[in-house]
Amino acid sequence: MSLFDSSNKGVKFANIGDEITGTIAAAPYERQQTKFGTNEADFWPNGDPKMQVLVPLKTSLRDDANDDGERTLYVASKHMKQAIGQAIRAANVADVAPGGTLTVKYIGNSPDSKNPANPAKMYAAQYTPPASAFAGQPAAQPAQPAQQAQAAPAQYAAPQPAQQPAQAPAPVGTPGGLTVEQLTQVGQLRAAGIPDETIATAVRTTVDVLNTIPF
């Protein structure tokens, strides 16, 4: 298809109050504008191409029996762009999309137009985004919380045998390993002249052990 042609009829806003409502049939696209009444590409004074956005619409309009209602909305003026941009923001979406419904209405002329004989047109727009692809489908069931693992029965530790009282260690450094009391008794008995054999029996030890005692 030629850069300057469209197979669908263009939407015209000849009189204040004219409007168009349609379902967006395909993704909008850009195309360079042409000079009025010609197929010659148009440019800004600085040499940049004048661009416009083409929005394919399916409408209920029928001019004759062969009219399929398809129209092309040419969005070239800044006022129309601003109106559609406001409608997009009001719908809380990022852009128009196929399946959405767009209405554009010619509401008056700009009082600031530099050429009163051909004033800039003012527009109002409304946009309804397409229904979600998931509309009508049963809502997803919320994830079930994981079942809490049943607490394992407490394991009872085997009873520990009763601790035997620790035997007092023999005093370190005493002669023959005897207690201080025994050594005292040995000293007293020796001082009284008692033989070691008798002393050994009295302190419950042996004569060999008594021989290690220096007194």
N, C-alpha and C. Protein backbone atom coordinates (compact mmCIF):
# COMPACT_ATOMS: atom_id res chain seq x y z
N MET A 1 0.84 -1.20 0.00
CA MET A 1 0.00 0.00 0.00
C MET A 1 0.88 1.24 0.00
N SER A 2 0.46 2.22 -0.76
CA SER A 2 1.23 3.45 -0.87
C SER A 2 1.31 4.16 0.47
N LEU A 3 2.39 4.86 0.67
CA LEU A 3 2.59 5.61 1.91
C LEU A 3 1.50 6.66 2.11
N PHE A 4 0.86 7.10 1.03
CA PHE A 4 -0.10 8.20 1.11
C PHE A 4 -1.54 7.75 0.89
N ASP A 5 -1.76 6.47 0.76
CA ASP A 5 -3.12 5.98 0.52
C ASP A 5 -3.60 5.15 1.70
N SER A 6 -4.91 5.07 1.83
CA SER A 6 -5.52 4.22 2.82
C SER A 6 -6.71 3.54 2.18
N SER A 7 -6.88 2.27 2.42
CA SER A 7 -7.98 1.54 1.80
C SER A 7 -9.32 1.88 2.46
N ASN A 8 -9.29 2.48 3.68
CA ASN A 8 -10.52 2.83 4.37
C ASN A 8 -10.84 4.30 4.18
N LYS A 9 -12.11 4.62 4.36
CA LYS A 9 -12.53 6.01 4.26
C LYS A 9 -11.99 6.80 5.43
N GLY A 10 -11.59 8.02 5.18
CA GLY A 10 -11.11 8.87 6.25
C GLY A 10 -12.27 9.53 6.98
N VAL A 11 -12.05 9.81 8.27
CA VAL A 11 -13.07 10.48 9.07
C VAL A 11 -12.95 11.98 8.85
N LYS A 12 -14.09 12.63 8.56
CA LYS A 12 -14.08 14.08 8.33
C LYS A 12 -14.91 14.75 9.42
N PHE A 13 -14.40 15.86 9.93
CA PHE A 13 -15.11 16.67 10.92
C PHE A 13 -15.43 18.02 10.27
N ALA A 14 -16.54 18.05 9.55
CA ALA A 14 -16.89 19.25 8.79
C ALA A 14 -17.57 20.30 9.64
N ASN A 15 -18.38 19.87 10.59
CA ASN A 15 -19.17 20.80 11.38
C ASN A 15 -18.96 20.54 12.87
N ILE A 16 -19.06 21.62 13.63
CA ILE A 16 -18.96 21.48 15.08
C ILE A 16 -20.05 20.52 15.56
N GLY A 17 -19.65 19.57 16.39
CA GLY A 17 -20.59 18.55 16.86
C GLY A 17 -20.40 17.21 16.17
N ASP A 18 -19.69 17.19 15.02
CA ASP A 18 -19.43 15.92 14.35
C ASP A 18 -18.56 15.04 15.26
N GLU A 19 -18.85 13.77 15.27
CA GLU A 19 -18.06 12.86 16.09
C GLU A 19 -18.00 11.49 15.45
N ILE A 20 -17.07 10.69 15.90
CA ILE A 20 -16.89 9.33 15.42
C ILE A 20 -16.65 8.43 16.63
N THR A 21 -17.30 7.29 16.62
CA THR A 21 -17.07 6.28 17.66
C THR A 21 -16.82 4.96 16.96
N GLY A 22 -15.77 4.29 17.35
CA GLY A 22 -15.46 3.00 16.74
C GLY A 22 -14.54 2.16 17.59
N THR A 23 -14.50 0.89 17.24
CA THR A 23 -13.58 -0.05 17.89
C THR A 23 -12.28 -0.06 17.11
N ILE A 24 -11.18 0.07 17.81
CA ILE A 24 -9.87 0.09 17.15
C ILE A 24 -9.61 -1.28 16.53
N ALA A 25 -9.46 -1.28 15.20
CA ALA A 25 -9.35 -2.55 14.47
C ALA A 25 -7.93 -3.10 14.40
N ALA A 26 -6.95 -2.22 14.49
CA ALA A 26 -5.55 -2.63 14.41
C ALA A 26 -4.71 -1.59 15.12
N ALA A 27 -3.47 -1.91 15.35
CA ALA A 27 -2.59 -0.98 16.05
C ALA A 27 -2.40 0.29 15.22
N PRO A 28 -2.53 1.45 15.82
CA PRO A 28 -2.29 2.71 15.08
C PRO A 28 -0.86 2.75 14.55
N TYR A 29 -0.65 3.51 13.51
CA TYR A 29 0.68 3.61 12.91
C TYR A 29 0.88 5.02 12.38
N GLU A 30 2.14 5.37 12.15
CA GLU A 30 2.48 6.71 11.68
C GLU A 30 2.64 6.74 10.16
N ARG A 31 2.34 7.90 9.61
CA ARG A 31 2.55 8.11 8.18
C ARG A 31 2.77 9.60 7.97
N GLN A 32 3.57 9.94 6.97
CA GLN A 32 3.83 11.35 6.68
C GLN A 32 2.59 12.00 6.05
N GLN A 33 2.33 13.22 6.45
CA GLN A 33 1.21 13.96 5.90
C GLN A 33 1.51 14.39 4.46
N THR A 34 0.44 14.67 3.75
CA THR A 34 0.59 15.20 2.38
C THR A 34 0.04 16.62 2.34
N LYS A 35 0.49 17.37 1.36
CA LYS A 35 -0.02 18.73 1.19
C LYS A 35 -1.48 18.67 0.76
N PHE A 36 -2.24 19.63 1.26
CA PHE A 36 -3.69 19.62 1.04
C PHE A 36 -4.04 19.50 -0.44
N GLY A 37 -4.86 18.51 -0.75
CA GLY A 37 -5.35 18.33 -2.12
C GLY A 37 -4.38 17.63 -3.04
N THR A 38 -3.22 17.17 -2.50
CA THR A 38 -2.23 16.50 -3.34
C THR A 38 -1.74 15.23 -2.64
N ASN A 39 -0.91 14.50 -3.35
CA ASN A 39 -0.23 13.35 -2.77
C ASN A 39 1.23 13.66 -2.48
N GLU A 40 1.56 14.95 -2.45
CA GLU A 40 2.94 15.38 -2.23
C GLU A 40 3.23 15.41 -0.73
N ALA A 41 4.34 14.79 -0.35
CA ALA A 41 4.72 14.75 1.07
C ALA A 41 4.94 16.15 1.60
N ASP A 42 4.50 16.35 2.85
CA ASP A 42 4.59 17.68 3.45
C ASP A 42 5.69 17.70 4.50
N PHE A 43 6.33 18.87 4.66
CA PHE A 43 7.44 19.03 5.59
C PHE A 43 7.27 20.32 6.39
N TRP A 44 7.88 20.35 7.55
CA TRP A 44 7.94 21.57 8.34
C TRP A 44 9.02 22.49 7.76
N PRO A 45 8.98 23.77 8.10
CA PRO A 45 9.98 24.70 7.55
C PRO A 45 11.42 24.28 7.82
N ASN A 46 11.67 23.55 8.91
CA ASN A 46 13.05 23.12 9.21
C ASN A 46 13.45 21.86 8.45
N GLY A 47 12.52 21.33 7.64
CA GLY A 47 12.84 20.16 6.84
C GLY A 47 12.36 18.85 7.42
N ASP A 48 11.89 18.86 8.68
CA ASP A 48 11.37 17.62 9.28
C ASP A 48 10.04 17.24 8.64
N PRO A 49 9.80 15.95 8.42
CA PRO A 49 8.52 15.54 7.82
C PRO A 49 7.37 15.77 8.80
N LYS A 50 6.24 16.20 8.27
CA LYS A 50 5.04 16.32 9.08
C LYS A 50 4.40 14.93 9.18
N MET A 51 4.30 14.44 10.42
CA MET A 51 3.79 13.09 10.63
C MET A 51 2.38 13.14 11.19
N GLN A 52 1.66 12.06 10.97
CA GLN A 52 0.32 11.91 11.52
C GLN A 52 0.14 10.45 11.96
N VAL A 53 -0.80 10.24 12.85
CA VAL A 53 -1.10 8.88 13.32
C VAL A 53 -2.41 8.43 12.70
N LEU A 54 -2.41 7.24 12.13
CA LEU A 54 -3.61 6.67 11.53
C LEU A 54 -4.17 5.60 12.46
N VAL A 55 -5.45 5.76 12.79
CA VAL A 55 -6.11 4.81 13.70
C VAL A 55 -7.21 4.09 12.94
N PRO A 56 -7.04 2.81 12.63
CA PRO A 56 -8.09 2.05 11.93
C PRO A 56 -9.26 1.78 12.89
N LEU A 57 -10.47 2.09 12.44
CA LEU A 57 -11.66 1.93 13.27
C LEU A 57 -12.72 1.07 12.58
N LYS A 58 -13.44 0.31 13.37
CA LYS A 58 -14.66 -0.36 12.89
C LYS A 58 -15.84 0.39 13.50
N THR A 59 -16.69 0.93 12.65
CA THR A 59 -17.79 1.76 13.12
C THR A 59 -19.13 1.19 12.65
N SER A 60 -20.19 1.84 13.11
CA SER A 60 -21.54 1.45 12.69
C SER A 60 -22.01 2.29 11.50
N LEU A 61 -21.14 3.14 10.96
CA LEU A 61 -21.51 4.01 9.84
C LEU A 61 -21.65 3.20 8.56
N ARG A 62 -22.67 3.51 7.79
CA ARG A 62 -22.88 2.86 6.50
C ARG A 62 -23.36 3.91 5.50
N ASP A 63 -22.54 4.17 4.46
CA ASP A 63 -22.93 5.13 3.42
C ASP A 63 -23.70 4.46 2.29
N ASP A 64 -23.46 3.14 2.11
CA ASP A 64 -24.16 2.40 1.06
C ASP A 64 -24.12 0.92 1.40
N ALA A 65 -24.65 0.11 0.53
CA ALA A 65 -24.73 -1.33 0.79
C ALA A 65 -23.36 -1.99 0.83
N ASN A 66 -22.39 -1.39 0.19
CA ASN A 66 -21.05 -1.98 0.17
C ASN A 66 -20.15 -1.45 1.29
N ASP A 67 -20.68 -0.56 2.08
CA ASP A 67 -19.88 0.05 3.15
C ASP A 67 -19.77 -0.94 4.32
N ASP A 68 -18.54 -1.28 4.67
CA ASP A 68 -18.31 -2.21 5.79
C ASP A 68 -18.14 -1.49 7.12
N GLY A 69 -18.24 -0.16 7.11
CA GLY A 69 -18.14 0.61 8.35
C GLY A 69 -16.72 0.88 8.80
N GLU A 70 -15.74 0.41 8.06
CA GLU A 70 -14.36 0.66 8.45
C GLU A 70 -13.95 2.07 8.05
N ARG A 71 -13.30 2.74 9.01
CA ARG A 71 -12.87 4.11 8.80
C ARG A 71 -11.44 4.28 9.30
N THR A 72 -10.77 5.31 8.79
CA THR A 72 -9.43 5.65 9.28
C THR A 72 -9.48 7.04 9.88
N LEU A 73 -9.08 7.12 11.17
CA LEU A 73 -9.02 8.42 11.84
C LEU A 73 -7.61 8.96 11.68
N TYR A 74 -7.51 10.11 11.01
CA TYR A 74 -6.20 10.73 10.80
C TYR A 74 -5.96 11.73 11.94
N VAL A 75 -4.99 11.43 12.78
CA VAL A 75 -4.69 12.28 13.93
C VAL A 75 -3.45 13.10 13.56
N ALA A 76 -3.70 14.31 13.07
CA ALA A 76 -2.61 15.15 12.63
C ALA A 76 -2.50 16.42 13.47
N SER A 77 -3.63 16.99 13.86
CA SER A 77 -3.59 18.26 14.59
C SER A 77 -3.18 18.04 16.04
N LYS A 78 -2.53 19.03 16.58
CA LYS A 78 -2.09 18.92 17.98
C LYS A 78 -3.26 18.88 18.94
N HIS A 79 -4.36 19.53 18.58
CA HIS A 79 -5.53 19.55 19.47
C HIS A 79 -6.19 18.17 19.55
N MET A 80 -6.23 17.46 18.42
CA MET A 80 -6.78 16.10 18.46
C MET A 80 -5.85 15.16 19.22
N LYS A 81 -4.55 15.31 19.01
CA LYS A 81 -3.58 14.48 19.73
C LYS A 81 -3.71 14.70 21.25
N GLN A 82 -3.85 15.98 21.63
CA GLN A 82 -3.99 16.29 23.06
C GLN A 82 -5.27 15.69 23.63
N ALA A 83 -6.36 15.77 22.88
CA ALA A 83 -7.63 15.23 23.37
C ALA A 83 -7.56 13.72 23.56
N ILE A 84 -6.96 13.02 22.59
CA ILE A 84 -6.84 11.57 22.71
C ILE A 84 -5.87 11.21 23.83
N GLY A 85 -4.80 11.99 23.96
CA GLY A 85 -3.85 11.74 25.06
C GLY A 85 -4.51 11.87 26.41
N GLN A 86 -5.37 12.88 26.60
CA GLN A 86 -6.09 13.06 27.85
C GLN A 86 -7.04 11.89 28.10
N ALA A 87 -7.68 11.40 27.04
CA ALA A 87 -8.59 10.27 27.18
C ALA A 87 -7.85 9.01 27.60
N ILE A 88 -6.65 8.82 27.06
CA ILE A 88 -5.83 7.66 27.42
C ILE A 88 -5.45 7.72 28.89
N ARG A 89 -5.02 8.91 29.34
CA ARG A 89 -4.64 9.05 30.76
C ARG A 89 -5.85 8.88 31.67
N ALA A 90 -6.99 9.36 31.24
CA ALA A 90 -8.21 9.20 32.06
C ALA A 90 -8.59 7.73 32.19
N ALA A 91 -8.26 6.94 31.17
CA ALA A 91 -8.54 5.49 31.21
C ALA A 91 -7.47 4.73 31.98
N ASN A 92 -6.43 5.46 32.41
CA ASN A 92 -5.35 4.85 33.21
C ASN A 92 -4.63 3.74 32.45
N VAL A 93 -4.36 4.00 31.16
CA VAL A 93 -3.60 3.06 30.34
C VAL A 93 -2.48 3.82 29.65
N ALA A 94 -1.57 3.08 29.02
CA ALA A 94 -0.41 3.70 28.39
C ALA A 94 -0.70 4.17 26.97
N ASP A 95 -1.63 3.49 26.28
CA ASP A 95 -1.90 3.85 24.88
C ASP A 95 -3.19 3.17 24.45
N VAL A 96 -3.68 3.56 23.29
CA VAL A 96 -4.84 2.87 22.73
C VAL A 96 -4.38 1.50 22.22
N ALA A 97 -5.31 0.56 22.12
CA ALA A 97 -4.96 -0.79 21.70
C ALA A 97 -6.12 -1.39 20.91
N PRO A 98 -5.82 -2.33 20.03
CA PRO A 98 -6.89 -3.00 19.28
C PRO A 98 -7.93 -3.59 20.24
N GLY A 99 -9.21 -3.39 19.88
CA GLY A 99 -10.28 -3.86 20.75
C GLY A 99 -10.83 -2.77 21.64
N GLY A 100 -10.08 -1.69 21.82
CA GLY A 100 -10.57 -0.56 22.61
C GLY A 100 -11.55 0.27 21.81
N THR A 101 -12.33 1.06 22.52
CA THR A 101 -13.33 1.91 21.87
C THR A 101 -12.91 3.37 22.01
N LEU A 102 -12.88 4.08 20.87
CA LEU A 102 -12.44 5.48 20.85
C LEU A 102 -13.55 6.36 20.27
N THR A 103 -13.81 7.46 20.97
CA THR A 103 -14.75 8.47 20.49
C THR A 103 -14.02 9.80 20.39
N VAL A 104 -14.15 10.46 19.25
CA VAL A 104 -13.56 11.79 19.06
C VAL A 104 -14.66 12.71 18.54
N LYS A 105 -14.76 13.90 19.15
CA LYS A 105 -15.81 14.85 18.77
C LYS A 105 -15.22 16.23 18.52
N TYR A 106 -15.70 16.86 17.46
CA TYR A 106 -15.31 18.23 17.11
C TYR A 106 -16.19 19.17 17.93
N ILE A 107 -15.57 19.89 18.88
CA ILE A 107 -16.36 20.67 19.84
C ILE A 107 -16.30 22.18 19.62
N GLY A 108 -15.46 22.64 18.73
CA GLY A 108 -15.38 24.08 18.51
C GLY A 108 -14.07 24.46 17.87
N ASN A 109 -13.85 25.78 17.73
CA ASN A 109 -12.63 26.30 17.11
C ASN A 109 -11.80 27.02 18.16
N SER A 110 -10.50 26.99 17.98
CA SER A 110 -9.59 27.63 18.92
C SER A 110 -9.66 29.14 18.76
N PRO A 111 -9.85 29.87 19.86
CA PRO A 111 -9.87 31.34 19.76
C PRO A 111 -8.49 31.93 19.50
N ASP A 112 -7.47 31.10 19.64
CA ASP A 112 -6.09 31.58 19.45
C ASP A 112 -5.58 31.34 18.03
N SER A 113 -6.43 30.90 17.13
CA SER A 113 -6.00 30.60 15.77
C SER A 113 -5.46 31.85 15.07
N LYS A 114 -4.35 31.70 14.38
CA LYS A 114 -3.74 32.83 13.66
C LYS A 114 -4.50 33.14 12.38
N ASN A 115 -5.26 32.15 11.90
CA ASN A 115 -6.02 32.37 10.66
C ASN A 115 -7.50 32.17 10.96
N PRO A 116 -8.22 33.22 11.31
CA PRO A 116 -9.63 33.08 11.65
C PRO A 116 -10.47 32.48 10.53
N ALA A 117 -10.00 32.64 9.28
CA ALA A 117 -10.75 32.08 8.16
C ALA A 117 -10.65 30.55 8.13
N ASN A 118 -9.59 30.03 8.71
CA ASN A 118 -9.40 28.57 8.78
C ASN A 118 -8.91 28.23 10.20
N PRO A 119 -9.78 28.39 11.20
CA PRO A 119 -9.35 28.22 12.60
C PRO A 119 -9.02 26.77 12.93
N ALA A 120 -8.14 26.63 13.93
CA ALA A 120 -7.80 25.29 14.40
C ALA A 120 -8.99 24.69 15.13
N LYS A 121 -9.27 23.44 14.85
CA LYS A 121 -10.42 22.76 15.46
C LYS A 121 -10.05 22.21 16.84
N MET A 122 -11.00 22.27 17.76
CA MET A 122 -10.83 21.73 19.10
C MET A 122 -11.62 20.43 19.21
N TYR A 123 -11.06 19.48 19.97
CA TYR A 123 -11.68 18.15 20.06
C TYR A 123 -11.80 17.70 21.52
N ALA A 124 -12.72 16.80 21.72
CA ALA A 124 -12.84 16.07 22.99
C ALA A 124 -12.82 14.59 22.63
N ALA A 125 -12.26 13.76 23.51
CA ALA A 125 -12.15 12.33 23.22
C ALA A 125 -12.44 11.51 24.46
N GLN A 126 -12.85 10.29 24.21
CA GLN A 126 -13.08 9.34 25.29
C GLN A 126 -12.57 7.99 24.82
N TYR A 127 -11.92 7.27 25.74
CA TYR A 127 -11.35 5.97 25.37
C TYR A 127 -11.70 4.93 26.42
N THR A 128 -12.13 3.75 25.94
CA THR A 128 -12.39 2.60 26.81
C THR A 128 -11.47 1.47 26.40
N PRO A 129 -10.58 1.02 27.28
CA PRO A 129 -9.65 -0.06 26.91
C PRO A 129 -10.39 -1.35 26.59
N PRO A 130 -9.76 -2.24 25.84
CA PRO A 130 -10.39 -3.53 25.54
C PRO A 130 -10.55 -4.35 26.80
N ALA A 131 -11.54 -5.24 26.78
CA ALA A 131 -11.73 -6.13 27.92
C ALA A 131 -10.53 -7.04 28.04
N SER A 132 -10.23 -7.41 29.27
CA SER A 132 -9.09 -8.30 29.51
C SER A 132 -9.31 -9.62 28.82
N ALA A 133 -8.20 -10.20 28.35
CA ALA A 133 -8.28 -11.52 27.71
C ALA A 133 -8.75 -12.58 28.68
N PHE A 134 -8.68 -12.27 29.97
CA PHE A 134 -9.05 -13.26 30.98
C PHE A 134 -10.47 -13.04 31.48
N ALA A 135 -11.18 -12.03 30.89
CA ALA A 135 -12.53 -11.75 31.35
C ALA A 135 -13.42 -12.96 31.09
N GLY A 136 -14.29 -13.27 32.01
CA GLY A 136 -15.21 -14.39 31.87
C GLY A 136 -14.63 -15.70 32.30
N GLN A 137 -13.34 -15.77 32.49
CA GLN A 137 -12.73 -17.01 32.96
C GLN A 137 -12.83 -17.07 34.46
N PRO A 138 -13.00 -18.29 35.00
CA PRO A 138 -13.09 -18.40 36.46
C PRO A 138 -11.85 -17.87 37.12
N ALA A 139 -12.06 -17.16 38.17
CA ALA A 139 -10.92 -16.59 38.89
C ALA A 139 -10.03 -17.69 39.43
N ALA A 140 -8.77 -17.43 39.36
CA ALA A 140 -7.82 -18.43 39.88
C ALA A 140 -8.02 -18.60 41.37
N GLN A 141 -7.99 -19.84 41.79
CA GLN A 141 -8.14 -20.12 43.20
C GLN A 141 -6.90 -19.67 43.95
N PRO A 142 -7.12 -19.02 45.07
CA PRO A 142 -5.93 -18.60 45.83
C PRO A 142 -5.13 -19.79 46.28
N ALA A 143 -3.86 -19.63 46.30
CA ALA A 143 -2.98 -20.72 46.72
C ALA A 143 -3.30 -21.11 48.15
N GLN A 144 -3.41 -22.42 48.36
CA GLN A 144 -3.69 -22.92 49.70
C GLN A 144 -2.41 -22.87 50.52
N PRO A 145 -2.56 -22.44 51.76
CA PRO A 145 -1.36 -22.42 52.61
C PRO A 145 -0.85 -23.83 52.83
N ALA A 146 0.43 -23.95 52.86
CA ALA A 146 1.02 -25.26 53.08
C ALA A 146 0.57 -25.80 54.41
N GLN A 147 0.21 -27.11 54.42
CA GLN A 147 -0.21 -27.72 55.67
C GLN A 147 0.96 -27.76 56.63
N GLN A 148 0.60 -27.43 57.86
CA GLN A 148 1.64 -27.46 58.86
C GLN A 148 1.96 -28.91 59.20
N ALA A 149 3.20 -29.18 59.24
CA ALA A 149 3.62 -30.54 59.58
C ALA A 149 3.19 -30.86 61.00
N GLN A 150 2.62 -32.08 61.17
CA GLN A 150 2.23 -32.48 62.51
C GLN A 150 3.46 -32.63 63.37
N ALA A 151 3.30 -32.13 64.57
CA ALA A 151 4.44 -32.20 65.48
C ALA A 151 4.72 -33.65 65.85
N ALA A 152 5.94 -34.05 65.72
CA ALA A 152 6.32 -35.40 66.08
C ALA A 152 6.21 -35.56 67.58
N PRO A 153 5.76 -36.76 68.04
CA PRO A 153 5.68 -36.96 69.50
C PRO A 153 7.04 -36.77 70.14
N ALA A 154 6.98 -36.22 71.31
CA ALA A 154 8.24 -35.95 72.01
C ALA A 154 8.96 -37.25 72.30
N GLN A 155 10.22 -37.25 72.07
CA GLN A 155 11.05 -38.42 72.36
C GLN A 155 11.60 -38.28 73.77
N TYR A 156 11.35 -39.33 74.55
CA TYR A 156 11.82 -39.29 75.93
C TYR A 156 13.21 -39.92 75.99
N ALA A 157 14.08 -39.21 76.61
CA ALA A 157 15.45 -39.71 76.74
C ALA A 157 15.48 -40.85 77.74
N ALA A 158 16.30 -41.82 77.44
CA ALA A 158 16.45 -42.94 78.37
C ALA A 158 16.96 -42.44 79.70
N PRO A 159 16.39 -42.97 80.79
CA PRO A 159 16.83 -42.51 82.11
C PRO A 159 18.31 -42.77 82.32
N GLN A 160 18.95 -41.78 82.83
CA GLN A 160 20.38 -41.91 83.09
C GLN A 160 20.59 -42.50 84.48
N PRO A 161 21.54 -43.39 84.60
CA PRO A 161 21.81 -43.96 85.94
C PRO A 161 22.22 -42.85 86.90
N ALA A 162 21.79 -43.07 88.14
CA ALA A 162 22.12 -42.07 89.17
C ALA A 162 23.62 -41.94 89.31
N GLN A 163 24.05 -40.72 89.42
CA GLN A 163 25.48 -40.49 89.55
C GLN A 163 25.96 -40.93 90.91
N GLN A 164 27.02 -41.68 90.86
CA GLN A 164 27.63 -42.09 92.12
C GLN A 164 28.45 -40.93 92.66
N PRO A 165 28.35 -40.74 93.98
CA PRO A 165 29.15 -39.66 94.55
C PRO A 165 30.62 -39.88 94.30
N ALA A 166 31.24 -38.87 93.83
CA ALA A 166 32.67 -38.99 93.50
C ALA A 166 33.46 -39.18 94.78
N GLN A 167 34.39 -40.14 94.71
CA GLN A 167 35.26 -40.36 95.86
C GLN A 167 36.28 -39.24 95.94
N ALA A 168 36.43 -38.79 97.13
CA ALA A 168 37.40 -37.73 97.33
C ALA A 168 38.78 -38.23 96.98
N PRO A 169 39.47 -37.54 96.12
CA PRO A 169 40.82 -37.99 95.74
C PRO A 169 41.76 -37.90 96.94
N ALA A 170 42.73 -38.80 96.95
CA ALA A 170 43.70 -38.80 98.05
C ALA A 170 44.50 -37.51 97.99
N PRO A 171 44.73 -36.94 99.10
CA PRO A 171 45.52 -35.71 99.12
C PRO A 171 46.84 -35.91 98.41
N VAL A 172 47.14 -34.91 97.61
CA VAL A 172 48.38 -35.00 96.84
C VAL A 172 49.54 -34.49 97.71
N GLY A 173 50.65 -35.24 97.70
CA GLY A 173 51.85 -34.78 98.38
C GLY A 173 52.03 -35.30 99.81
N THR A 174 51.03 -36.06 100.33
CA THR A 174 51.19 -36.60 101.69
C THR A 174 51.97 -37.91 101.63
N PRO A 175 52.85 -38.19 102.56
CA PRO A 175 53.67 -39.43 102.55
C PRO A 175 52.78 -40.66 102.63
N GLY A 176 53.07 -41.63 101.75
CA GLY A 176 52.36 -42.89 101.78
C GLY A 176 50.93 -42.80 101.34
N GLY A 177 50.48 -41.59 100.88
CA GLY A 177 49.10 -41.43 100.46
C GLY A 177 48.13 -41.42 101.62
N LEU A 178 48.65 -41.31 102.88
CA LEU A 178 47.77 -41.27 104.04
C LEU A 178 47.16 -39.88 104.19
N THR A 179 46.02 -39.82 104.89
CA THR A 179 45.40 -38.53 105.14
C THR A 179 46.17 -37.79 106.22
N VAL A 180 45.84 -36.50 106.32
CA VAL A 180 46.50 -35.68 107.33
C VAL A 180 46.21 -36.24 108.71
N GLU A 181 44.95 -36.70 108.92
CA GLU A 181 44.58 -37.26 110.23
C GLU A 181 45.41 -38.51 110.56
N GLN A 182 45.57 -39.36 109.48
CA GLN A 182 46.36 -40.58 109.70
C GLN A 182 47.82 -40.26 110.04
N LEU A 183 48.36 -39.28 109.33
CA LEU A 183 49.75 -38.91 109.58
C LEU A 183 49.92 -38.36 110.99
N THR A 184 48.92 -37.60 111.40
CA THR A 184 48.98 -37.05 112.77
C THR A 184 48.97 -38.18 113.80
N GLN A 185 48.08 -39.20 113.51
CA GLN A 185 47.98 -40.33 114.43
C GLN A 185 49.28 -41.13 114.46
N VAL A 186 49.88 -41.30 113.26
CA VAL A 186 51.16 -42.04 113.20
C VAL A 186 52.22 -41.33 114.04
N GLY A 187 52.29 -40.01 113.92
CA GLY A 187 53.29 -39.25 114.65
C GLY A 187 53.10 -39.37 116.16
N GLN A 188 51.82 -39.33 116.58
CA GLN A 188 51.55 -39.43 118.02
C GLN A 188 51.93 -40.81 118.56
N LEU A 189 51.60 -41.87 117.80
CA LEU A 189 51.89 -43.23 118.25
C LEU A 189 53.39 -43.49 118.28
N ARG A 190 54.10 -42.98 117.26
CA ARG A 190 55.56 -43.17 117.27
C ARG A 190 56.20 -42.41 118.44
N ALA A 191 55.66 -41.21 118.71
CA ALA A 191 56.21 -40.45 119.84
C ALA A 191 56.01 -41.18 121.16
N ALA A 192 54.95 -42.01 121.22
CA ALA A 192 54.68 -42.77 122.45
C ALA A 192 55.46 -44.07 122.50
N GLY A 193 56.26 -44.34 121.43
CA GLY A 193 57.09 -45.54 121.40
C GLY A 193 56.37 -46.77 120.96
N ILE A 194 55.24 -46.61 120.27
CA ILE A 194 54.48 -47.76 119.79
C ILE A 194 55.17 -48.31 118.54
N PRO A 195 55.34 -49.64 118.42
CA PRO A 195 55.99 -50.24 117.26
C PRO A 195 55.18 -49.99 115.99
N ASP A 196 55.91 -49.97 114.84
CA ASP A 196 55.24 -49.70 113.56
C ASP A 196 54.20 -50.76 113.23
N GLU A 197 54.44 -52.03 113.64
CA GLU A 197 53.47 -53.07 113.34
C GLU A 197 52.12 -52.72 113.97
N THR A 198 52.17 -52.24 115.23
CA THR A 198 50.92 -51.90 115.93
C THR A 198 50.30 -50.64 115.32
N ILE A 199 51.20 -49.69 114.95
CA ILE A 199 50.70 -48.45 114.35
C ILE A 199 50.02 -48.75 113.01
N ALA A 200 50.64 -49.67 112.22
CA ALA A 200 50.07 -50.02 110.92
C ALA A 200 48.67 -50.55 111.07
N THR A 201 48.43 -51.37 112.09
CA THR A 201 47.09 -51.90 112.32
C THR A 201 46.13 -50.80 112.73
N ALA A 202 46.63 -49.83 113.55
CA ALA A 202 45.76 -48.77 114.06
C ALA A 202 45.31 -47.81 112.94
N VAL A 203 46.20 -47.52 112.01
CA VAL A 203 45.84 -46.56 110.94
C VAL A 203 45.45 -47.27 109.64
N ARG A 204 45.36 -48.64 109.74
CA ARG A 204 44.92 -49.43 108.60
C ARG A 204 45.83 -49.23 107.39
N THR A 205 47.07 -49.50 107.60
CA THR A 205 48.03 -49.44 106.51
C THR A 205 49.08 -50.51 106.74
N THR A 206 50.18 -50.42 106.04
CA THR A 206 51.23 -51.44 106.16
C THR A 206 52.49 -50.81 106.69
N VAL A 207 53.37 -51.69 107.14
CA VAL A 207 54.64 -51.20 107.67
C VAL A 207 55.45 -50.59 106.53
N ASP A 208 55.31 -51.15 105.32
CA ASP A 208 56.05 -50.59 104.18
C ASP A 208 55.64 -49.14 103.92
N VAL A 209 54.36 -48.87 104.10
CA VAL A 209 53.91 -47.51 103.91
C VAL A 209 54.46 -46.62 105.01
N LEU A 210 54.48 -47.15 106.25
CA LEU A 210 54.98 -46.36 107.37
C LEU A 210 56.46 -46.02 107.18
N ASN A 211 57.19 -46.90 106.49
CA ASN A 211 58.61 -46.66 106.26
C ASN A 211 58.87 -45.46 105.35
N THR A 212 57.83 -45.05 104.61
CA THR A 212 57.99 -43.87 103.73
C THR A 212 57.79 -42.59 104.50
N ILE A 213 57.30 -42.70 105.74
CA ILE A 213 57.02 -41.48 106.52
C ILE A 213 58.29 -41.08 107.23
N PRO A 214 58.74 -39.85 107.10
CA PRO A 214 60.06 -39.45 107.60
C PRO A 214 60.09 -39.24 109.12
N PHE A 215 59.01 -39.44 109.83
CA PHE A 215 59.09 -39.23 111.29
C PHE A 215 58.55 -40.44 112.00
